[in-house]
Amino acid sequence: MQMKKKESIAFGIALIFVVMIFAGCASKSTELLAQDPNHMNNDQLLEYFYRLNDEIEKQEKQTGPSFGIGIGGIGRSVGGGVGVGTGGTAYTADDLRERRIEVRMELKRRGIQP
């Protein structure tokens, strides 16, 4: 019984850690998208454009291999597992790309070349 409790606690901590990582990644994109480029001066708009580029690049960049451990139980059974991933999701940030196009058009309208 003592071992099950320790495994459950370890699994809970690992799950919380994963959720926090995903929330952190999403919050950066959400923060960028919440800003209104139409109310920025020229310097702020140009800086915003480059921050969008950087965030898109971060989200698309491949990462190294990942390693994961899982523990779970059903009834009287307890099981565990180990996984190794090749890394990187290689997904695109579509919302950020759309905003970058809007910002690029605003820069063009103002006569600024990024």
N, C-alpha and C. Protein backbone atom coordinates (compact mmCIF):
# COMPACT_ATOMS: atom_id res chain seq x y z
N MET A 1 0.83 -1.19 0.00
CA MET A 1 0.00 0.00 0.00
C MET A 1 0.87 1.26 0.00
N GLN A 2 1.95 1.26 0.73
CA GLN A 2 2.86 2.40 0.82
C GLN A 2 3.48 2.70 -0.54
N MET A 3 3.84 1.66 -1.28
CA MET A 3 4.47 1.83 -2.59
C MET A 3 3.50 2.48 -3.58
N LYS A 4 2.21 2.08 -3.57
CA LYS A 4 1.22 2.66 -4.45
C LYS A 4 1.08 4.15 -4.21
N LYS A 5 1.09 4.54 -2.97
CA LYS A 5 0.94 5.94 -2.62
C LYS A 5 2.11 6.76 -3.15
N LYS A 6 3.31 6.25 -3.01
CA LYS A 6 4.50 6.95 -3.51
C LYS A 6 4.46 7.06 -5.03
N GLU A 7 4.04 6.00 -5.70
CA GLU A 7 3.95 6.02 -7.15
C GLU A 7 2.88 7.00 -7.62
N SER A 8 1.77 7.06 -6.91
CA SER A 8 0.70 7.99 -7.27
C SER A 8 1.17 9.44 -7.10
N ILE A 9 1.89 9.71 -6.05
CA ILE A 9 2.41 11.06 -5.82
C ILE A 9 3.41 11.43 -6.91
N ALA A 10 4.30 10.51 -7.26
CA ALA A 10 5.29 10.76 -8.31
C ALA A 10 4.60 11.03 -9.64
N PHE A 11 3.58 10.26 -9.96
CA PHE A 11 2.84 10.45 -11.20
C PHE A 11 2.15 11.81 -11.21
N GLY A 12 1.56 12.19 -10.09
CA GLY A 12 0.88 13.48 -9.98
C GLY A 12 1.83 14.65 -10.19
N ILE A 13 3.00 14.55 -9.60
CA ILE A 13 4.00 15.60 -9.75
C ILE A 13 4.46 15.70 -11.21
N ALA A 14 4.69 14.56 -11.85
CA ALA A 14 5.11 14.56 -13.25
C ALA A 14 4.03 15.17 -14.15
N LEU A 15 2.78 14.86 -13.87
CA LEU A 15 1.66 15.39 -14.65
C LEU A 15 1.56 16.91 -14.50
N ILE A 16 1.71 17.40 -13.29
CA ILE A 16 1.67 18.84 -13.05
C ILE A 16 2.81 19.53 -13.79
N PHE A 17 3.99 18.94 -13.78
CA PHE A 17 5.15 19.50 -14.46
C PHE A 17 4.89 19.63 -15.96
N VAL A 18 4.32 18.61 -16.57
CA VAL A 18 4.04 18.63 -18.02
C VAL A 18 3.00 19.71 -18.34
N VAL A 19 1.96 19.82 -17.53
CA VAL A 19 0.93 20.83 -17.75
C VAL A 19 1.52 22.24 -17.65
N MET A 20 2.41 22.45 -16.70
CA MET A 20 3.05 23.76 -16.53
C MET A 20 3.91 24.12 -17.74
N ILE A 21 4.59 23.15 -18.31
CA ILE A 21 5.43 23.40 -19.49
C ILE A 21 4.56 23.83 -20.66
N PHE A 22 3.46 23.09 -20.90
CA PHE A 22 2.58 23.45 -22.01
C PHE A 22 1.91 24.80 -21.78
N ALA A 23 1.54 25.10 -20.56
CA ALA A 23 0.91 26.39 -20.25
C ALA A 23 1.89 27.53 -20.48
N GLY A 24 3.15 27.32 -20.16
CA GLY A 24 4.17 28.35 -20.37
C GLY A 24 4.37 28.65 -21.84
N CYS A 25 4.38 27.64 -22.67
CA CYS A 25 4.55 27.85 -24.11
C CYS A 25 3.34 28.57 -24.70
N ALA A 26 2.18 28.19 -24.28
CA ALA A 26 0.97 28.82 -24.82
C ALA A 26 0.84 30.26 -24.36
N SER A 27 1.27 30.57 -23.15
CA SER A 27 1.09 31.92 -22.64
C SER A 27 1.93 32.93 -23.41
N LYS A 28 3.11 32.57 -23.88
CA LYS A 28 3.96 33.48 -24.65
C LYS A 28 3.26 33.87 -25.95
N SER A 29 2.70 32.90 -26.65
CA SER A 29 1.99 33.18 -27.89
C SER A 29 0.74 34.02 -27.63
N THR A 30 0.01 33.68 -26.58
CA THR A 30 -1.20 34.41 -26.23
C THR A 30 -0.87 35.85 -25.88
N GLU A 31 0.22 36.04 -25.16
CA GLU A 31 0.66 37.39 -24.78
C GLU A 31 0.98 38.21 -26.02
N LEU A 32 1.67 37.63 -26.98
CA LEU A 32 2.00 38.34 -28.22
C LEU A 32 0.75 38.69 -29.02
N LEU A 33 -0.18 37.75 -29.09
CA LEU A 33 -1.39 37.98 -29.87
C LEU A 33 -2.32 38.99 -29.21
N ALA A 34 -2.21 39.18 -27.90
CA ALA A 34 -3.08 40.11 -27.18
C ALA A 34 -2.69 41.56 -27.44
N GLN A 35 -1.49 41.79 -27.91
CA GLN A 35 -1.04 43.16 -28.16
C GLN A 35 -1.66 43.70 -29.45
N ASP A 36 -1.97 45.00 -29.44
CA ASP A 36 -2.60 45.64 -30.60
C ASP A 36 -1.55 46.42 -31.39
N PRO A 37 -1.14 45.93 -32.54
CA PRO A 37 -0.10 46.60 -33.31
C PRO A 37 -0.52 47.95 -33.87
N ASN A 38 -1.82 48.20 -33.98
CA ASN A 38 -2.30 49.46 -34.55
C ASN A 38 -2.06 50.64 -33.62
N HIS A 39 -1.83 50.39 -32.35
CA HIS A 39 -1.59 51.47 -31.38
C HIS A 39 -0.11 51.60 -31.01
N MET A 40 0.77 51.03 -31.82
CA MET A 40 2.21 51.09 -31.55
C MET A 40 2.85 52.16 -32.43
N ASN A 41 3.92 52.77 -31.90
CA ASN A 41 4.68 53.68 -32.75
C ASN A 41 5.56 52.84 -33.66
N ASN A 42 6.29 53.48 -34.56
CA ASN A 42 7.07 52.76 -35.57
C ASN A 42 8.11 51.83 -34.95
N ASP A 43 8.84 52.32 -33.94
CA ASP A 43 9.87 51.49 -33.30
C ASP A 43 9.26 50.29 -32.59
N GLN A 44 8.15 50.51 -31.88
CA GLN A 44 7.48 49.41 -31.18
C GLN A 44 6.95 48.37 -32.17
N LEU A 45 6.42 48.85 -33.28
CA LEU A 45 5.87 47.94 -34.29
C LEU A 45 6.97 47.07 -34.91
N LEU A 46 8.10 47.69 -35.19
CA LEU A 46 9.22 46.94 -35.75
C LEU A 46 9.74 45.91 -34.75
N GLU A 47 9.85 46.29 -33.48
CA GLU A 47 10.27 45.35 -32.44
C GLU A 47 9.26 44.21 -32.29
N TYR A 48 7.99 44.53 -32.35
CA TYR A 48 6.92 43.52 -32.26
C TYR A 48 7.04 42.52 -33.41
N PHE A 49 7.32 43.01 -34.61
CA PHE A 49 7.49 42.15 -35.78
C PHE A 49 8.60 41.13 -35.54
N TYR A 50 9.72 41.59 -35.00
CA TYR A 50 10.85 40.69 -34.75
C TYR A 50 10.56 39.73 -33.61
N ARG A 51 9.81 40.14 -32.61
CA ARG A 51 9.43 39.21 -31.52
C ARG A 51 8.51 38.12 -32.06
N LEU A 52 7.60 38.48 -32.97
CA LEU A 52 6.75 37.47 -33.61
C LEU A 52 7.61 36.46 -34.38
N ASN A 53 8.58 36.94 -35.14
CA ASN A 53 9.49 36.05 -35.87
C ASN A 53 10.21 35.10 -34.93
N ASP A 54 10.72 35.64 -33.83
CA ASP A 54 11.46 34.82 -32.86
C ASP A 54 10.57 33.74 -32.26
N GLU A 55 9.34 34.11 -31.90
CA GLU A 55 8.43 33.13 -31.29
C GLU A 55 8.04 32.04 -32.28
N ILE A 56 7.81 32.40 -33.52
CA ILE A 56 7.48 31.41 -34.55
C ILE A 56 8.65 30.44 -34.72
N GLU A 57 9.86 30.98 -34.77
CA GLU A 57 11.05 30.15 -34.91
C GLU A 57 11.21 29.20 -33.73
N LYS A 58 10.98 29.67 -32.51
CA LYS A 58 11.08 28.83 -31.32
C LYS A 58 10.10 27.66 -31.38
N GLN A 59 8.89 27.95 -31.83
CA GLN A 59 7.86 26.91 -31.86
C GLN A 59 8.11 25.89 -32.95
N GLU A 60 8.82 26.26 -33.99
CA GLU A 60 9.08 25.33 -35.08
C GLU A 60 10.39 24.58 -34.94
N LYS A 61 11.25 25.07 -34.06
CA LYS A 61 12.59 24.48 -33.93
C LYS A 61 12.50 23.05 -33.39
N GLN A 62 13.31 22.20 -33.96
CA GLN A 62 13.41 20.83 -33.46
C GLN A 62 14.18 20.82 -32.16
N THR A 63 13.76 19.98 -31.25
CA THR A 63 14.48 19.83 -30.00
C THR A 63 15.17 18.47 -29.98
N GLY A 64 15.99 18.25 -28.99
CA GLY A 64 16.68 16.98 -28.86
C GLY A 64 15.76 15.87 -28.39
N PRO A 65 16.29 14.69 -28.20
CA PRO A 65 15.49 13.56 -27.76
C PRO A 65 14.87 13.81 -26.40
N SER A 66 13.68 13.24 -26.19
CA SER A 66 13.00 13.37 -24.91
C SER A 66 12.86 12.00 -24.26
N PHE A 67 12.74 12.02 -22.95
CA PHE A 67 12.67 10.79 -22.16
C PHE A 67 11.52 10.95 -21.17
N GLY A 68 10.67 9.95 -21.06
CA GLY A 68 9.54 10.03 -20.14
C GLY A 68 9.33 8.74 -19.37
N ILE A 69 8.81 8.90 -18.15
CA ILE A 69 8.50 7.76 -17.29
C ILE A 69 7.06 7.89 -16.84
N GLY A 70 6.32 6.80 -16.88
CA GLY A 70 4.94 6.81 -16.44
C GLY A 70 4.65 5.69 -15.46
N ILE A 71 3.81 6.00 -14.47
CA ILE A 71 3.41 5.01 -13.47
C ILE A 71 1.90 5.12 -13.30
N GLY A 72 1.22 4.01 -13.24
CA GLY A 72 -0.21 4.03 -13.06
C GLY A 72 -0.72 2.74 -12.47
N GLY A 73 -1.96 2.77 -12.06
CA GLY A 73 -2.53 1.58 -11.46
C GLY A 73 -4.03 1.50 -11.68
N ILE A 74 -4.55 0.27 -11.78
CA ILE A 74 -5.97 0.01 -11.88
C ILE A 74 -6.28 -1.11 -10.91
N GLY A 75 -7.14 -0.85 -9.99
CA GLY A 75 -7.48 -1.87 -9.00
C GLY A 75 -6.26 -2.27 -8.19
N ARG A 76 -5.94 -3.56 -8.20
CA ARG A 76 -4.79 -4.06 -7.46
C ARG A 76 -3.51 -4.08 -8.30
N SER A 77 -3.62 -3.70 -9.55
CA SER A 77 -2.47 -3.75 -10.45
C SER A 77 -1.77 -2.40 -10.53
N VAL A 78 -0.47 -2.44 -10.58
CA VAL A 78 0.34 -1.24 -10.76
C VAL A 78 1.28 -1.49 -11.92
N GLY A 79 1.40 -0.50 -12.79
CA GLY A 79 2.28 -0.67 -13.94
C GLY A 79 3.09 0.58 -14.19
N GLY A 80 4.11 0.43 -14.95
CA GLY A 80 4.98 1.56 -15.28
C GLY A 80 5.44 1.46 -16.71
N GLY A 81 5.97 2.55 -17.20
CA GLY A 81 6.47 2.55 -18.57
C GLY A 81 7.53 3.60 -18.77
N VAL A 82 8.31 3.38 -19.78
CA VAL A 82 9.37 4.32 -20.13
C VAL A 82 9.25 4.59 -21.62
N GLY A 83 9.39 5.87 -22.00
CA GLY A 83 9.31 6.23 -23.41
C GLY A 83 10.43 7.15 -23.82
N VAL A 84 10.86 7.00 -25.05
CA VAL A 84 11.89 7.86 -25.61
C VAL A 84 11.35 8.40 -26.93
N GLY A 85 11.39 9.75 -27.08
CA GLY A 85 10.90 10.38 -28.30
C GLY A 85 12.06 10.97 -29.08
N THR A 86 11.83 11.17 -30.36
CA THR A 86 12.88 11.73 -31.20
C THR A 86 12.98 13.24 -31.07
N GLY A 87 11.99 13.86 -30.44
CA GLY A 87 12.03 15.29 -30.17
C GLY A 87 11.42 16.11 -31.28
N GLY A 88 11.01 17.33 -30.90
CA GLY A 88 10.49 18.29 -31.85
C GLY A 88 9.11 17.97 -32.35
N THR A 89 8.24 18.95 -32.33
CA THR A 89 6.89 18.76 -32.85
C THR A 89 6.79 19.26 -34.27
N ALA A 90 7.66 20.21 -34.64
CA ALA A 90 7.70 20.78 -35.98
C ALA A 90 6.35 21.34 -36.42
N TYR A 91 5.54 21.82 -35.47
CA TYR A 91 4.28 22.43 -35.84
C TYR A 91 4.49 23.90 -36.12
N THR A 92 3.60 24.49 -36.91
CA THR A 92 3.71 25.91 -37.22
C THR A 92 2.76 26.69 -36.33
N ALA A 93 3.09 27.92 -36.08
CA ALA A 93 2.28 28.80 -35.26
C ALA A 93 1.40 29.64 -36.20
N ASP A 94 0.28 29.08 -36.61
CA ASP A 94 -0.56 29.72 -37.62
C ASP A 94 -1.08 31.09 -37.17
N ASP A 95 -1.54 31.20 -35.93
CA ASP A 95 -2.05 32.48 -35.44
C ASP A 95 -0.96 33.54 -35.43
N LEU A 96 0.24 33.13 -35.02
CA LEU A 96 1.37 34.07 -35.02
C LEU A 96 1.75 34.47 -36.44
N ARG A 97 1.67 33.54 -37.36
CA ARG A 97 1.99 33.85 -38.76
C ARG A 97 0.98 34.85 -39.33
N GLU A 98 -0.30 34.66 -39.02
CA GLU A 98 -1.33 35.59 -39.49
C GLU A 98 -1.08 36.99 -38.93
N ARG A 99 -0.73 37.06 -37.63
CA ARG A 99 -0.46 38.36 -37.03
C ARG A 99 0.78 39.00 -37.66
N ARG A 100 1.79 38.18 -37.96
CA ARG A 100 3.00 38.71 -38.58
C ARG A 100 2.69 39.31 -39.95
N ILE A 101 1.78 38.71 -40.70
CA ILE A 101 1.37 39.26 -41.99
C ILE A 101 0.68 40.60 -41.80
N GLU A 102 -0.20 40.68 -40.79
CA GLU A 102 -0.88 41.94 -40.49
C GLU A 102 0.14 43.03 -40.14
N VAL A 103 1.11 42.68 -39.32
CA VAL A 103 2.14 43.64 -38.91
C VAL A 103 2.99 44.04 -40.10
N ARG A 104 3.33 43.09 -40.95
CA ARG A 104 4.12 43.40 -42.15
C ARG A 104 3.36 44.39 -43.04
N MET A 105 2.06 44.19 -43.19
CA MET A 105 1.25 45.10 -44.00
C MET A 105 1.20 46.49 -43.37
N GLU A 106 1.10 46.56 -42.06
CA GLU A 106 1.09 47.84 -41.35
C GLU A 106 2.46 48.54 -41.51
N LEU A 107 3.52 47.78 -41.42
CA LEU A 107 4.85 48.35 -41.63
C LEU A 107 4.98 48.92 -43.05
N LYS A 108 4.46 48.19 -44.01
CA LYS A 108 4.50 48.64 -45.41
C LYS A 108 3.69 49.90 -45.58
N ARG A 109 2.54 49.95 -44.95
CA ARG A 109 1.67 51.14 -45.04
C ARG A 109 2.38 52.38 -44.47
N ARG A 110 3.18 52.16 -43.42
CA ARG A 110 3.92 53.25 -42.79
C ARG A 110 5.24 53.54 -43.51
N GLY A 111 5.59 52.76 -44.49
CA GLY A 111 6.81 52.99 -45.26
C GLY A 111 8.07 52.48 -44.55
N ILE A 112 7.91 51.44 -43.72
CA ILE A 112 9.03 50.87 -42.96
C ILE A 112 9.35 49.49 -43.53
N GLN A 113 10.64 49.26 -43.80
CA GLN A 113 11.09 47.95 -44.28
C GLN A 113 11.69 47.18 -43.12
N PRO A 114 11.17 45.99 -42.82
CA PRO A 114 11.76 45.18 -41.74
C PRO A 114 13.08 44.54 -42.15
